[in-house]
Amino acid sequence: MKSYTIQKIDTNLYIKGFSGQLVYLALYGILATLILFVILYIAAGTFVSVAVCVPAFFAWLYRLNRIQKNYGHRGWHKKRIARQLPEFITIKQRIYQ
């Protein structure tokens, strides 16, 4: 049997159309929906918990899917970082050379 060595060329994580950090956000959405379902199931019953959690879960996945299609994992991260930067910088003293 022939053996192959695996070379890590593309180390990004791709699962079901999501890549990079969006995979982890999908996982967090699944966990949050599960916790919300348990709390609502105990407090309000089966119908209310299903009626709230299922649309919320699919809305979260739809939102992540739109982010993935519009920006990709790199572009979305760059957009988030760009929000933290100032739009312009003012210099209040004269620059001497």
Foldseek 3Di string as FASTA:
>chain_A
DDDDDDDPPDVWDDDPLAIDCLVVVLVVLVVVLVVQLVVCCVVPNDPVSCVPSPVSSVVSVVVSNVCCVPQNPVRVVVVVVVVVDDPDDDDDDDDDD
